Amino acid sequence: MKLLSRSEEVILLAVWRLRDNAYGVTIRDLASKSTGYEWDFAAVYIALDKLTRKGYVNKTLSKPIAERGGRSKCMYTLTLDGKNALKSIQKVQKILWQGISDAAFDLEEYQNG
């Protein structure tokens, strides 16, 4: 099984959540809001390029938009393979986190445990 990187996971989840409104700016904004980390466009587009090459997202151009000077947006949609990749990484994370409670992060318990 080939696992997603953390950045690929965040971007792929953003595409899924945004549905028909997934393009560079909205993906970046949701990734930044969700992680509390300010994503730059290069990081977003690098992840989107990798996800497109892996077949996890499809990239299409929108109709030309007057507000953008007649330019189109690159829109992204989740594929079935992308959804399956998310399901796989979720399963791995559940297994890895199994049995670890919030209390385990208490430094005193860690030192004694």
C-alpha atoms as a PDB file:
ATOM      1  CA  MET A   1       0.000   0.000   0.000  1.00  0.00           C
ATOM      2  CA  LYS A   2       1.375   3.413  -0.958  1.00  0.00           C
ATOM      3  CA  LEU A   3       0.546   5.977   1.720  1.00  0.00           C
ATOM      4  CA  LEU A   4      -0.172   9.654   1.253  1.00  0.00           C
ATOM      5  CA  SER A   5       2.224  12.218   2.677  1.00  0.00           C
ATOM      6  CA  ARG A   6       0.708  14.512   5.305  1.00  0.00           C
ATOM      7  CA  SER A   7       0.585  17.445   2.873  1.00  0.00           C
ATOM      8  CA  GLU A   8      -1.081  15.279   0.218  1.00  0.00           C
ATOM      9  CA  GLU A   9      -3.639  14.157   2.791  1.00  0.00           C
ATOM     10  CA  VAL A  10      -4.470  17.732   3.839  1.00  0.00           C
ATOM     11  CA  ILE A  11      -4.824  18.925   0.243  1.00  0.00           C
ATOM     12  CA  LEU A  12      -6.832  15.879  -0.832  1.00  0.00           C
ATOM     13  CA  LEU A  13      -9.221  16.354   2.101  1.00  0.00           C
ATOM     14  CA  ALA A  14      -9.598  20.027   1.181  1.00  0.00           C
ATOM     15  CA  VAL A  15     -10.493  19.087  -2.419  1.00  0.00           C
ATOM     16  CA  TRP A  16     -13.077  16.624  -1.118  1.00  0.00           C
ATOM     17  CA  ARG A  17     -14.630  19.132   1.287  1.00  0.00           C
ATOM     18  CA  LEU A  18     -14.749  21.938  -1.283  1.00  0.00           C
ATOM     19  CA  ARG A  19     -16.398  19.761  -3.949  1.00  0.00           C
ATOM     20  CA  ASP A  20     -17.322  21.998  -6.924  1.00  0.00           C
ATOM     21  CA  ASN A  21     -15.398  24.963  -5.520  1.00  0.00           C
ATOM     22  CA  ALA A  22     -11.940  23.369  -5.277  1.00  0.00           C
ATOM     23  CA  TYR A  23      -9.320  25.560  -6.937  1.00  0.00           C
ATOM     24  CA  GLY A  24      -5.970  26.940  -5.776  1.00  0.00           C
ATOM     25  CA  VAL A  25      -7.151  29.801  -3.573  1.00  0.00           C
ATOM     26  CA  THR A  26      -9.994  27.934  -1.859  1.00  0.00           C
ATOM     27  CA  ILE A  27      -7.850  24.837  -1.330  1.00  0.00           C
ATOM     28  CA  ARG A  28      -5.062  26.937   0.193  1.00  0.00           C
ATOM     29  CA  ASP A  29      -7.488  28.821   2.429  1.00  0.00           C
ATOM     30  CA  LEU A  30      -9.123  25.641   3.748  1.00  0.00           C
ATOM     31  CA  ALA A  31      -5.766  23.921   4.294  1.00  0.00           C
ATOM     32  CA  SER A  32      -4.506  26.977   6.213  1.00  0.00           C
ATOM     33  CA  LYS A  33      -7.667  27.261   8.299  1.00  0.00           C
ATOM     34  CA  SER A  34      -7.739  23.532   9.081  1.00  0.00           C
ATOM     35  CA  THR A  35      -4.083  23.176  10.063  1.00  0.00           C
ATOM     36  CA  GLY A  36      -3.402  26.582  11.604  1.00  0.00           C
ATOM     37  CA  TYR A  37      -0.391  26.807   9.300  1.00  0.00           C
ATOM     38  CA  GLU A  38      -0.194  29.388   6.495  1.00  0.00           C
ATOM     39  CA  TRP A  39       0.245  27.350   3.306  1.00  0.00           C
ATOM     40  CA  ASP A  40       1.986  28.996   0.396  1.00  0.00           C
ATOM     41  CA  PHE A  41       0.716  28.425  -3.107  1.00  0.00           C
ATOM     42  CA  ALA A  42       3.825  26.504  -4.145  1.00  0.00           C
ATOM     43  CA  ALA A  43       3.186  23.853  -1.471  1.00  0.00           C
ATOM     44  CA  VAL A  44      -0.457  23.557  -2.521  1.00  0.00           C
ATOM     45  CA  TYR A  45       0.333  23.230  -6.222  1.00  0.00           C
ATOM     46  CA  ILE A  46       3.173  20.762  -5.639  1.00  0.00           C
ATOM     47  CA  ALA A  47       0.769  18.524  -3.703  1.00  0.00           C
ATOM     48  CA  LEU A  48      -1.967  18.981  -6.328  1.00  0.00           C
ATOM     49  CA  ASP A  49       0.465  18.049  -9.101  1.00  0.00           C
ATOM     50  CA  LYS A  50       1.499  14.868  -7.265  1.00  0.00           C
ATOM     51  CA  LEU A  51      -2.136  13.971  -6.556  1.00  0.00           C
ATOM     52  CA  THR A  52      -3.058  14.538 -10.205  1.00  0.00           C
ATOM     53  CA  ARG A  53      -0.188  12.330 -11.413  1.00  0.00           C
ATOM     54  CA  LYS A  54      -1.245   9.594  -8.982  1.00  0.00           C
ATOM     55  CA  GLY A  55      -4.809   9.779 -10.306  1.00  0.00           C
ATOM     56  CA  TYR A  56      -6.291  10.927  -6.989  1.00  0.00           C
ATOM     57  CA  VAL A  57      -7.672  14.184  -8.387  1.00  0.00           C
ATOM     58  CA  ASN A  58      -8.804  15.337 -11.796  1.00  0.00           C
ATOM     59  CA  LYS A  59      -7.885  18.800 -13.050  1.00  0.00           C
ATOM     60  CA  THR A  60     -10.178  20.709 -15.403  1.00  0.00           C
ATOM     61  CA  LEU A  61     -10.484  24.311 -16.543  1.00  0.00           C
ATOM     62  CA  SER A  62     -13.550  26.340 -15.640  1.00  0.00           C
ATOM     63  CA  LYS A  63     -15.341  28.520 -18.152  1.00  0.00           C
ATOM     64  CA  PRO A  64     -13.624  31.886 -18.644  1.00  0.00           C
ATOM     65  CA  ILE A  65     -14.474  34.301 -15.829  1.00  0.00           C
ATOM     66  CA  ALA A  66     -14.983  37.998 -16.567  1.00  0.00           C
ATOM     67  CA  GLU A  67     -13.735  39.059 -13.108  1.00  0.00           C
ATOM     68  CA  ARG A  68     -10.469  37.281 -13.902  1.00  0.00           C
ATOM     69  CA  GLY A  69     -10.012  39.082 -17.208  1.00  0.00           C
ATOM     70  CA  GLY A  70     -11.517  36.192 -19.134  1.00  0.00           C
ATOM     71  CA  ARG A  71      -9.136  33.630 -17.646  1.00  0.00           C
ATOM     72  CA  SER A  72     -10.255  30.217 -16.433  1.00  0.00           C
ATOM     73  CA  LYS A  73      -9.595  28.593 -13.064  1.00  0.00           C
ATOM     74  CA  CYS A  74      -7.996  25.176 -12.656  1.00  0.00           C
ATOM     75  CA  MET A  75     -10.626  23.165 -10.810  1.00  0.00           C
ATOM     76  CA  TYR A  76      -9.889  19.933  -8.948  1.00  0.00           C
ATOM     77  CA  THR A  77     -12.178  16.999  -8.161  1.00  0.00           C
ATOM     78  CA  LEU A  78     -11.607  13.905  -6.074  1.00  0.00           C
ATOM     79  CA  THR A  79     -11.468  10.585  -7.924  1.00  0.00           C
ATOM     80  CA  LEU A  80     -12.502   7.182  -6.612  1.00  0.00           C
ATOM     81  CA  ASP A  81      -8.805   6.305  -6.250  1.00  0.00           C
ATOM     82  CA  GLY A  82      -8.349   9.489  -4.217  1.00  0.00           C
ATOM     83  CA  LYS A  83     -11.224   8.569  -1.945  1.00  0.00           C
ATOM     84  CA  ASN A  84      -9.740   5.096  -1.472  1.00  0.00           C
ATOM     85  CA  ALA A  85      -6.338   6.612  -0.646  1.00  0.00           C
ATOM     86  CA  LEU A  86      -7.974   8.724   2.073  1.00  0.00           C
ATOM     87  CA  LYS A  87      -9.776   5.685   3.421  1.00  0.00           C
ATOM     88  CA  SER A  88      -6.468   3.789   3.582  1.00  0.00           C
ATOM     89  CA  ILE A  89      -4.594   6.554   5.395  1.00  0.00           C
ATOM     90  CA  GLN A  90      -7.480   6.937   7.851  1.00  0.00           C
ATOM     91  CA  LYS A  91      -7.335   3.204   8.603  1.00  0.00           C
ATOM     92  CA  VAL A  92      -3.560   3.344   9.195  1.00  0.00           C
ATOM     93  CA  GLN A  93      -3.930   6.343  11.499  1.00  0.00           C
ATOM     94  CA  LYS A  94      -6.645   4.627  13.544  1.00  0.00           C
ATOM     95  CA  ILE A  95      -4.399   1.598  14.006  1.00  0.00           C
ATOM     96  CA  LEU A  96      -1.381   3.725  14.938  1.00  0.00           C
ATOM     97  CA  TRP A  97      -3.357   5.815  17.451  1.00  0.00           C
ATOM     98  CA  GLN A  98      -5.222   2.866  18.967  1.00  0.00           C
ATOM     99  CA  GLY A  99      -4.762   2.768  22.731  1.00  0.00           C
ATOM    100  CA  ILE A 100      -3.130   6.196  22.973  1.00  0.00           C
ATOM    101  CA  SER A 101      -5.291   8.589  24.957  1.00  0.00           C
ATOM    102  CA  ASP A 102      -4.901  12.327  25.515  1.00  0.00           C
ATOM    103  CA  ALA A 103      -3.572  11.473  28.980  1.00  0.00           C
ATOM    104  CA  ALA A 104      -0.610   9.749  27.336  1.00  0.00           C
ATOM    105  CA  PHE A 105       0.694  13.187  26.372  1.00  0.00           C
ATOM    106  CA  ASP A 106       1.006  14.170  30.012  1.00  0.00           C
ATOM    107  CA  LEU A 107       4.771  14.445  30.582  1.00  0.00           C
ATOM    108  CA  GLU A 108       4.632  12.901  34.062  1.00  0.00           C
ATOM    109  CA  GLU A 109       2.687   9.878  32.828  1.00  0.00           C
ATOM    110  CA  TYR A 110       5.101   9.510  29.911  1.00  0.00           C
ATOM    111  CA  GLN A 111       8.129   9.499  32.220  1.00  0.00           C
ATOM    112  CA  ASN A 112       6.507   6.929  34.536  1.00  0.00           C
ATOM    113  CA  GLY A 113       4.925   4.811  31.797  1.00  0.00           C
END
